[in-house]
Amino acid sequence: MTAIAVMSRPVPSPPAPVLVRRRTARQAAFTAAAAAIAAQPLLRPNGPGNSSPVDLFTLAAILLTGVWVAGDHVRLRAPYALPVGIAAIAGIFAAMASVELAAGAIAVVQDLVLFAWAVVIATVCARPPGLRLVLRVWAFASIFMGALLVASSVAHVAAITGVTARAGNREAFTFGDPNYAALFWTLSIFVSYAAQVPRRRSWRWAGYAVLLSAFALAESNGGLLELFLGCAVIALGAVMRRYGAAAALSTALAAVVALVLLTLVLPLQTVRTWAHDSGQPLLVNSIGRSSHSASQRSVLARESIDLYTRSSPLGIGPAATHSLLDRDGYPYAKEAHDDYLAALTERGPLGLFAVLWLSALVAWYASRFIRASTTSAFTSVLPLPTGIIAALVAIAAAGWYYEVLHFRFVWALFAIVATVSRGQDA
């Protein structure tokens, strides 16, 4: 009886000072993660090792989350650990066989920091309050940044618009690259839609208008494709919610047929010529130059493959494409602009395997994401989770013509999808 009585006694609560310390550590980790999310556009000016101002916020979030996890015995979420580890190993081997050893070593360290950043977001967002904070900060901060860009564009403040001689009048803001900026604005629209932030519909549509205006200033062909595909996913999701899967499939097939017929009646080259000759900078620098952009990327792909076939099977080394193409006198010396091609040429078959595994994992988590977000405590945080799936589709498309696996906000989305699909912590 004594043993039973002892076992039935409630576990005493930790002393008040312990609770205060735990709460303080948690709040510090959440605040640091939110600040890092808000600082995502702060990529200029550059620092050593291609570092940026946002990295200060990222490192603070990693450190404070580590303190919180260690002190409060929080379950650490570490999705994608295996493919990231394989990619790092492939990068180390390739760097050791490359003439660009230092650049390769820095690239591998950057990969590990990105993974640590994903762990922070996955751990913070494992419960609804953390996810709500991250999504709301992302939505409001991106709208604020977009408004700042639009106002600076009107006032011709070049230091903020990010206009350079190389990019013409395309406005990159503080991202350093207009295509990078376009993807961020696109994903921000979908995040705002998924979380329904701002809550008031009129303010939310005003936010969409601001983000679309900022997006337009980037004049990105890839961004147009990403936005179109994401919006198509959202439209099909709305049809499915209201009329069912059969209606959504029928709508998708009808849209594909209509698109094919449209291209037959109005060929893409005709549209490109019209845009190029329109005299409107927005059209000239986006649709009007799409043929030239596609041609450049084809040349770059051929150059990268040729460089790889003349190098070690382990790869030419992480982040070595640009410098080696320039060293060997190739006419179009740039980075690979393709996650899969970059993985193969820079890290060899093992690196490509890691990226394919990562892509498969993201797709698997996404397949569970909708059900998990609508049948758990996350429902109130993600009223329209199709927006996050739209963002993933946009990222998947961008991965074929940018190296999006270097983008911090892409890893944040990957982490959110993984942690929500796995369900709330107990």
Protein backbone atom coordinates (compact mmCIF):
# COMPACT_ATOMS: atom_id res chain seq x y z
CA MET A 1 0.00 0.00 0.00
CA THR A 2 2.83 2.37 0.80
CA ALA A 3 4.42 1.71 -2.58
CA ILE A 4 1.12 2.30 -4.35
CA ALA A 5 0.61 5.53 -2.47
CA VAL A 6 4.09 6.72 -3.37
CA MET A 7 3.59 5.86 -7.02
CA SER A 8 0.25 7.66 -7.14
CA ARG A 9 1.62 10.91 -5.81
CA PRO A 10 1.70 13.69 -8.41
CA VAL A 11 5.12 14.63 -9.71
CA PRO A 12 6.12 17.89 -8.04
CA SER A 13 6.39 20.90 -10.34
CA PRO A 14 9.80 22.42 -10.91
CA PRO A 15 10.62 25.37 -8.66
CA ALA A 16 9.45 28.75 -9.88
CA PRO A 17 12.95 30.00 -10.80
CA VAL A 18 13.40 26.94 -13.07
CA LEU A 19 10.10 27.65 -14.80
CA VAL A 20 11.12 31.26 -15.33
CA ARG A 21 14.47 30.24 -16.82
CA ARG A 22 12.78 27.74 -19.15
CA ARG A 23 10.20 30.27 -20.25
CA THR A 24 12.91 32.88 -20.83
CA ALA A 25 15.03 30.47 -22.90
CA ARG A 26 12.00 29.52 -24.99
CA GLN A 27 11.00 33.12 -25.57
CA ALA A 28 14.57 34.01 -26.57
CA ALA A 29 14.69 31.14 -29.09
CA PHE A 30 11.30 32.08 -30.55
CA THR A 31 12.25 35.75 -30.78
CA ALA A 32 15.56 34.99 -32.46
CA ALA A 33 13.91 32.66 -34.99
CA ALA A 34 11.27 35.28 -35.79
CA ALA A 35 13.93 37.97 -36.19
CA ALA A 36 15.88 35.73 -38.58
CA ILE A 37 12.72 35.14 -40.63
CA ALA A 38 12.10 38.89 -40.82
CA ALA A 39 15.70 39.48 -41.90
CA GLN A 40 15.63 37.05 -44.85
CA PRO A 41 15.99 39.76 -47.53
CA LEU A 42 19.11 41.25 -45.88
CA LEU A 43 21.73 39.71 -48.17
CA ARG A 44 23.61 42.89 -48.98
CA PRO A 45 26.25 44.03 -48.27
CA ASN A 46 28.30 40.85 -48.60
CA GLY A 47 30.85 39.83 -46.01
CA PRO A 48 33.66 37.24 -45.89
CA GLY A 49 32.78 33.80 -47.26
CA ASN A 50 29.67 35.19 -48.97
CA SER A 51 28.16 35.95 -45.58
CA SER A 52 25.34 38.47 -45.21
CA PRO A 53 23.68 40.54 -42.47
CA VAL A 54 20.94 37.91 -42.16
CA ASP A 55 23.55 35.40 -41.01
CA LEU A 56 23.97 37.31 -37.75
CA PHE A 57 20.29 36.68 -37.01
CA THR A 58 20.56 33.08 -38.20
CA LEU A 59 23.52 32.29 -35.95
CA ALA A 60 21.78 33.94 -32.99
CA ALA A 61 18.70 31.78 -33.62
CA ILE A 62 20.84 28.63 -33.79
CA LEU A 63 22.67 29.50 -30.57
CA LEU A 64 19.59 30.48 -28.55
CA THR A 65 17.61 27.48 -29.77
CA GLY A 66 20.51 25.26 -28.70
CA VAL A 67 20.43 26.81 -25.23
CA TRP A 68 16.66 26.31 -25.01
CA VAL A 69 16.80 22.68 -26.19
CA ALA A 70 19.66 21.78 -23.85
CA GLY A 71 18.19 23.49 -20.79
CA ASP A 72 14.56 22.45 -21.24
CA HIS A 73 15.14 18.95 -22.68
CA VAL A 74 13.07 19.84 -25.74
CA ARG A 75 12.79 17.27 -28.51
CA LEU A 76 15.07 18.44 -31.31
CA ARG A 77 13.55 18.19 -34.79
CA ALA A 78 16.17 17.42 -37.44
CA PRO A 79 14.46 16.57 -40.74
CA TYR A 80 16.53 15.89 -43.86
CA ALA A 81 19.60 14.95 -41.78
CA LEU A 82 20.61 11.97 -43.92
CA PRO A 83 20.53 13.61 -47.38
CA VAL A 84 22.25 16.70 -46.01
CA GLY A 85 24.93 14.53 -44.42
CA ILE A 86 25.50 12.65 -47.68
CA ALA A 87 25.69 15.92 -49.61
CA ALA A 88 28.27 17.23 -47.11
CA ILE A 89 30.38 14.08 -47.42
CA ALA A 90 30.21 14.26 -51.22
CA GLY A 91 31.20 17.94 -51.00
CA ILE A 92 34.21 17.16 -48.80
CA PHE A 93 35.47 14.45 -51.16
CA ALA A 94 34.95 16.70 -54.21
CA ALA A 95 36.67 19.66 -52.51
CA MET A 96 39.69 17.54 -51.64
CA ALA A 97 40.01 16.53 -55.31
CA SER A 98 39.47 20.09 -56.55
CA VAL A 99 41.81 23.01 -57.06
CA GLU A 100 39.17 25.12 -55.27
CA LEU A 101 39.62 23.47 -51.85
CA ALA A 102 38.96 26.62 -49.79
CA ALA A 103 35.78 27.52 -51.70
CA GLY A 104 34.56 23.93 -51.36
CA ALA A 105 35.20 23.85 -47.62
CA ILE A 106 33.31 27.12 -47.14
CA ALA A 107 30.40 25.76 -49.21
CA VAL A 108 30.15 22.63 -47.05
CA VAL A 109 30.15 24.75 -43.88
CA GLN A 110 27.37 26.87 -45.39
CA ASP A 111 25.38 23.70 -46.09
CA LEU A 112 25.65 22.68 -42.45
CA VAL A 113 24.61 26.14 -41.26
CA LEU A 114 21.55 25.98 -43.54
CA PHE A 115 20.69 22.59 -42.09
CA ALA A 116 21.07 23.95 -38.54
CA TRP A 117 18.76 26.81 -39.53
CA ALA A 118 16.18 24.27 -40.73
CA VAL A 119 16.50 22.43 -37.42
CA VAL A 120 15.78 25.70 -35.59
CA ILE A 121 12.62 26.34 -37.59
CA ALA A 122 11.46 22.72 -37.33
CA THR A 123 11.93 22.76 -33.54
CA VAL A 124 10.36 26.19 -32.98
CA CYS A 125 7.39 25.33 -35.23
CA ALA A 126 6.74 21.92 -33.66
CA ARG A 127 3.86 23.45 -31.69
CA PRO A 128 1.17 25.85 -32.96
CA PRO A 129 2.37 28.99 -31.11
CA GLY A 130 5.82 28.77 -32.70
CA LEU A 131 4.45 28.09 -36.18
CA ARG A 132 1.94 30.94 -35.81
CA LEU A 133 4.72 33.35 -34.84
CA VAL A 134 6.99 32.34 -37.73
CA LEU A 135 4.24 32.57 -40.37
CA ARG A 136 2.88 35.88 -39.12
CA VAL A 137 6.33 37.45 -38.97
CA TRP A 138 7.13 36.15 -42.47
CA ALA A 139 3.92 37.61 -43.89
CA PHE A 140 4.08 41.00 -42.19
CA ALA A 141 7.84 41.46 -42.66
CA SER A 142 7.69 40.62 -46.37
CA ILE A 143 4.82 43.05 -46.90
CA PHE A 144 6.79 45.76 -45.10
CA MET A 145 9.91 45.01 -47.15
CA GLY A 146 7.86 44.99 -50.35
CA ALA A 147 6.33 48.36 -49.49
CA LEU A 148 9.82 49.72 -48.80
CA LEU A 149 11.00 48.51 -52.21
CA VAL A 150 8.01 49.98 -54.03
CA ALA A 151 8.43 53.34 -52.27
CA SER A 152 12.15 53.35 -53.02
CA SER A 153 11.43 52.54 -56.67
CA VAL A 154 9.07 55.49 -56.94
CA ALA A 155 11.65 57.73 -55.26
CA HIS A 156 14.54 56.24 -57.34
CA VAL A 157 16.60 55.28 -54.29
CA ALA A 158 19.15 53.01 -55.98
CA ALA A 159 20.77 51.97 -52.70
CA ILE A 160 17.52 50.22 -51.73
CA THR A 161 16.12 49.13 -55.09
CA GLY A 162 19.29 47.20 -55.88
CA VAL A 163 19.46 48.30 -59.51
CA THR A 164 22.83 47.47 -61.11
CA ALA A 165 24.33 48.00 -64.54
CA ARG A 166 24.49 44.23 -65.07
CA ALA A 167 20.78 43.67 -64.37
CA GLY A 168 19.52 46.79 -66.15
CA ASN A 169 16.45 48.28 -64.50
CA ARG A 170 15.48 45.02 -62.76
CA GLU A 171 15.16 45.69 -59.04
CA ALA A 172 16.74 43.10 -56.74
CA PHE A 173 16.16 45.01 -53.47
CA THR A 174 18.74 43.71 -50.94
CA PHE A 175 18.83 40.19 -52.40
CA GLY A 176 21.58 40.93 -54.89
CA ASP A 177 19.77 39.04 -57.67
CA PRO A 178 16.35 39.83 -59.21
CA ASN A 179 15.45 36.16 -59.63
CA TYR A 180 16.26 35.50 -55.97
CA ALA A 181 14.02 38.43 -55.04
CA ALA A 182 11.19 37.23 -57.30
CA LEU A 183 11.13 33.80 -55.65
CA PHE A 184 11.00 35.37 -52.19
CA TRP A 185 8.07 37.64 -53.11
CA THR A 186 6.27 34.68 -54.71
CA LEU A 187 6.69 32.44 -51.66
CA SER A 188 5.66 35.29 -49.37
CA ILE A 189 2.37 35.62 -51.25
CA PHE A 190 1.69 31.91 -50.76
CA VAL A 191 2.69 31.99 -47.08
CA SER A 192 0.37 34.93 -46.48
CA TYR A 193 -2.42 33.04 -48.25
CA ALA A 194 -1.83 29.82 -46.30
CA ALA A 195 -1.80 31.56 -42.92
CA GLN A 196 -4.47 34.11 -43.95
CA VAL A 197 -2.30 36.95 -42.65
CA PRO A 198 -3.31 39.76 -42.25
CA ARG A 199 -6.58 38.42 -40.87
CA ARG A 200 -8.77 41.19 -42.24
CA ARG A 201 -9.50 40.45 -45.89
CA SER A 202 -9.07 44.04 -47.12
CA TRP A 203 -5.64 44.31 -45.47
CA ARG A 204 -4.65 40.91 -46.79
CA TRP A 205 -5.50 41.85 -50.38
CA ALA A 206 -3.59 45.09 -49.90
CA GLY A 207 -0.63 42.98 -48.80
CA TYR A 208 -0.96 40.82 -51.92
CA ALA A 209 -0.94 43.97 -54.03
CA VAL A 210 2.26 45.20 -52.36
CA LEU A 211 4.00 41.84 -52.81
CA LEU A 212 2.91 41.59 -56.45
CA SER A 213 4.21 45.10 -57.09
CA ALA A 214 7.58 44.18 -55.59
CA PHE A 215 7.53 40.96 -57.61
CA ALA A 216 6.89 42.87 -60.85
CA LEU A 217 9.89 45.12 -60.23
CA ALA A 218 12.19 42.05 -60.41
CA GLU A 219 11.06 41.40 -64.02
CA SER A 220 11.82 37.69 -63.67
CA ASN A 221 10.67 35.13 -66.23
CA GLY A 222 11.31 32.32 -63.79
CA GLY A 223 9.29 34.20 -61.22
CA LEU A 224 6.34 34.42 -63.61
CA LEU A 225 6.42 30.65 -64.08
CA GLU A 226 6.67 30.06 -60.32
CA LEU A 227 3.76 32.41 -59.60
CA PHE A 228 1.63 30.85 -62.34
CA LEU A 229 2.23 27.28 -61.16
CA GLY A 230 1.59 28.18 -57.52
CA CYS A 231 -1.64 29.99 -58.35
CA ALA A 232 -2.73 26.97 -60.43
CA VAL A 233 -2.20 24.73 -57.39
CA ILE A 234 -4.24 27.09 -55.21
CA ALA A 235 -7.05 27.20 -57.80
CA LEU A 236 -7.15 23.41 -58.07
CA GLY A 237 -7.13 23.17 -54.28
CA ALA A 238 -10.14 25.46 -54.10
CA VAL A 239 -12.00 23.36 -56.70
CA MET A 240 -11.16 20.18 -54.79
CA ARG A 241 -12.38 21.58 -51.47
CA ARG A 242 -15.69 22.63 -52.99
CA TYR A 243 -16.43 20.00 -55.63
CA GLY A 244 -14.12 17.05 -54.95
CA ALA A 245 -11.09 15.39 -56.49
CA ALA A 246 -12.82 14.40 -59.75
CA ALA A 247 -13.75 18.01 -60.47
CA ALA A 248 -10.20 19.15 -59.69
CA LEU A 249 -8.74 16.55 -62.08
CA SER A 250 -11.18 17.57 -64.81
CA THR A 251 -10.30 21.22 -64.30
CA ALA A 252 -6.57 20.45 -64.54
CA LEU A 253 -7.01 18.49 -67.78
CA ALA A 254 -9.18 21.25 -69.27
CA ALA A 255 -6.56 23.86 -68.32
CA VAL A 256 -3.78 21.83 -69.96
CA VAL A 257 -5.80 21.43 -73.17
CA ALA A 258 -6.64 25.15 -73.21
CA LEU A 259 -2.99 26.04 -72.71
CA VAL A 260 -1.89 23.77 -75.56
CA LEU A 261 -4.51 25.26 -77.88
CA LEU A 262 -3.45 28.76 -76.88
CA THR A 263 0.17 28.05 -77.78
CA LEU A 264 -0.95 26.75 -81.16
CA VAL A 265 -3.01 29.85 -81.89
CA LEU A 266 -0.52 32.25 -80.32
CA PRO A 267 3.01 30.76 -80.43
CA LEU A 268 5.36 31.65 -77.60
CA GLN A 269 7.87 33.19 -80.00
CA THR A 270 5.19 35.59 -81.24
CA VAL A 271 4.49 36.68 -77.67
CA ARG A 272 8.22 37.13 -77.04
CA THR A 273 8.61 39.28 -80.16
CA TRP A 274 5.60 41.39 -79.24
CA ALA A 275 6.95 41.92 -75.71
CA HIS A 276 10.44 42.74 -76.99
CA ASP A 277 9.13 45.31 -79.46
CA SER A 278 6.54 46.82 -77.11
CA GLY A 279 8.88 49.50 -75.79
CA GLN A 280 7.64 48.82 -72.24
CA PRO A 281 10.64 48.10 -69.97
CA LEU A 282 8.64 45.69 -67.83
CA LEU A 283 7.75 43.54 -70.86
CA VAL A 284 11.07 43.96 -72.65
CA ASN A 285 13.12 42.85 -69.64
CA SER A 286 10.87 39.91 -68.73
CA ILE A 287 8.99 38.06 -71.48
CA GLY A 288 10.92 39.90 -74.19
CA ARG A 289 14.25 38.46 -73.10
CA SER A 290 13.00 34.94 -72.21
CA SER A 291 14.44 33.40 -75.39
CA HIS A 292 17.87 34.86 -74.63
CA SER A 293 17.71 33.66 -71.01
CA ALA A 294 16.80 30.12 -72.08
CA SER A 295 19.64 30.11 -74.61
CA GLN A 296 22.15 31.25 -71.97
CA ARG A 297 21.09 28.52 -69.56
CA SER A 298 21.41 25.86 -72.27
CA VAL A 299 24.95 27.03 -73.00
CA LEU A 300 25.78 27.03 -69.29
CA ALA A 301 24.44 23.48 -68.89
CA ARG A 302 26.60 22.21 -71.75
CA GLU A 303 29.66 24.00 -70.38
CA SER A 304 29.13 22.57 -66.87
CA ILE A 305 28.74 19.01 -68.14
CA ASP A 306 31.82 19.39 -70.34
CA LEU A 307 33.78 20.72 -67.35
CA TYR A 308 32.67 17.76 -65.23
CA THR A 309 33.59 15.13 -67.85
CA ARG A 310 37.12 16.55 -67.95
CA SER A 311 37.44 16.55 -64.15
CA SER A 312 37.39 14.03 -61.31
CA PRO A 313 34.36 11.68 -61.08
CA LEU A 314 33.99 12.98 -57.53
CA GLY A 315 33.06 16.38 -58.94
CA ILE A 316 34.80 19.67 -59.58
CA GLY A 317 34.19 20.84 -55.99
CA PRO A 318 31.34 22.77 -54.32
CA ALA A 319 30.92 26.36 -55.55
CA ALA A 320 33.70 25.86 -58.12
CA THR A 321 31.66 26.08 -61.35
CA HIS A 322 32.00 29.81 -61.90
CA SER A 323 35.72 30.06 -61.18
CA LEU A 324 36.66 26.97 -63.23
CA LEU A 325 34.55 28.00 -66.22
CA ASP A 326 36.24 31.39 -66.09
CA ARG A 327 39.70 29.83 -65.67
CA ASP A 328 39.24 27.55 -68.67
CA GLY A 329 37.96 30.32 -70.92
CA TYR A 330 34.36 29.20 -71.39
CA PRO A 331 32.25 31.94 -72.99
CA TYR A 332 29.49 31.90 -70.35
CA ALA A 333 31.15 31.63 -66.94
CA LYS A 334 28.53 31.58 -64.16
CA GLU A 335 27.29 29.33 -61.39
CA ALA A 336 25.34 26.25 -62.48
CA HIS A 337 21.84 27.80 -62.10
CA ASP A 338 20.34 24.32 -61.59
CA ASP A 339 20.31 22.39 -58.31
CA TYR A 340 20.52 18.99 -59.97
CA LEU A 341 23.19 19.92 -62.48
CA ALA A 342 25.20 21.68 -59.75
CA ALA A 343 24.96 18.61 -57.51
CA LEU A 344 26.29 16.32 -60.25
CA THR A 345 29.07 18.53 -61.58
CA GLU A 346 30.29 19.85 -58.24
CA ARG A 347 29.76 16.80 -55.96
CA GLY A 348 29.54 13.89 -58.39
CA PRO A 349 26.95 11.08 -58.46
CA LEU A 350 26.83 10.93 -54.65
CA GLY A 351 25.90 14.61 -54.51
CA LEU A 352 23.17 14.13 -57.11
CA PHE A 353 21.82 11.17 -55.14
CA ALA A 354 21.64 13.35 -52.02
CA VAL A 355 19.67 16.08 -53.81
CA LEU A 356 17.27 13.54 -55.33
CA TRP A 357 16.76 11.98 -51.89
CA LEU A 358 16.14 15.41 -50.38
CA SER A 359 13.57 16.17 -53.11
CA ALA A 360 11.83 12.85 -52.49
CA LEU A 361 11.70 13.52 -48.74
CA VAL A 362 10.18 16.96 -49.26
CA ALA A 363 7.59 15.43 -51.61
CA TRP A 364 6.78 12.71 -49.05
CA TYR A 365 6.33 15.24 -46.26
CA ALA A 366 4.19 17.37 -48.58
CA SER A 367 1.94 14.37 -49.30
CA ARG A 368 1.18 14.16 -45.57
CA PHE A 369 1.13 17.89 -44.94
CA ILE A 370 -2.45 18.73 -45.96
CA ARG A 371 -4.02 15.99 -43.85
CA ALA A 372 -1.78 16.78 -40.85
CA SER A 373 -2.53 20.50 -41.02
CA THR A 374 -6.31 19.98 -41.22
CA THR A 375 -6.70 17.28 -38.55
CA SER A 376 -4.48 18.61 -35.77
CA ALA A 377 -3.87 21.64 -33.60
CA PHE A 378 -2.23 23.31 -36.61
CA THR A 379 -5.62 23.84 -38.30
CA SER A 380 -6.11 27.30 -36.83
CA VAL A 381 -2.58 28.31 -37.81
CA LEU A 382 -2.87 27.14 -41.43
CA PRO A 383 -6.47 27.77 -42.54
CA LEU A 384 -5.51 27.23 -46.21
CA PRO A 385 -2.51 24.85 -46.26
CA THR A 386 -2.69 24.59 -50.05
CA GLY A 387 -0.69 27.82 -50.07
CA ILE A 388 2.33 26.00 -48.65
CA ILE A 389 1.99 23.27 -51.30
CA ALA A 390 1.88 26.04 -53.92
CA ALA A 391 5.12 27.42 -52.48
CA LEU A 392 6.75 23.98 -52.73
CA VAL A 393 5.66 23.66 -56.37
CA ALA A 394 7.20 27.09 -57.07
CA ILE A 395 10.45 25.96 -55.42
CA ALA A 396 10.46 22.72 -57.41
CA ALA A 397 10.15 24.66 -60.65
CA ALA A 398 12.83 27.17 -59.64
CA GLY A 399 15.27 24.37 -58.84
CA TRP A 400 15.64 23.64 -62.55
CA TYR A 401 16.98 27.11 -63.38
CA TYR A 402 18.33 28.49 -60.05
CA GLU A 403 20.28 26.93 -57.21
CA VAL A 404 17.50 27.41 -54.68
CA LEU A 405 19.01 25.02 -52.13
CA HIS A 406 21.29 27.92 -51.18
CA PHE A 407 18.30 30.06 -50.17
CA ARG A 408 17.64 30.33 -46.44
CA PHE A 409 13.89 30.87 -46.73
CA VAL A 410 13.58 27.72 -48.87
CA TRP A 411 15.02 25.65 -46.01
CA ALA A 412 12.63 27.38 -43.61
CA LEU A 413 9.69 26.19 -45.72
CA PHE A 414 11.13 22.70 -45.96
CA ALA A 415 11.37 22.60 -42.17
CA ILE A 416 7.80 23.84 -41.70
CA VAL A 417 6.42 21.18 -44.04
CA ALA A 418 8.40 18.42 -42.32
CA THR A 419 7.48 19.37 -38.76
CA VAL A 420 3.77 19.93 -39.49
CA SER A 421 3.50 16.65 -41.41
CA ARG A 422 4.94 14.79 -38.42
CA GLY A 423 2.38 16.30 -36.05
CA GLN A 424 2.57 18.26 -32.82
CA ASP A 425 5.01 17.39 -30.05
CA ALA A 426 3.48 15.73 -27.04
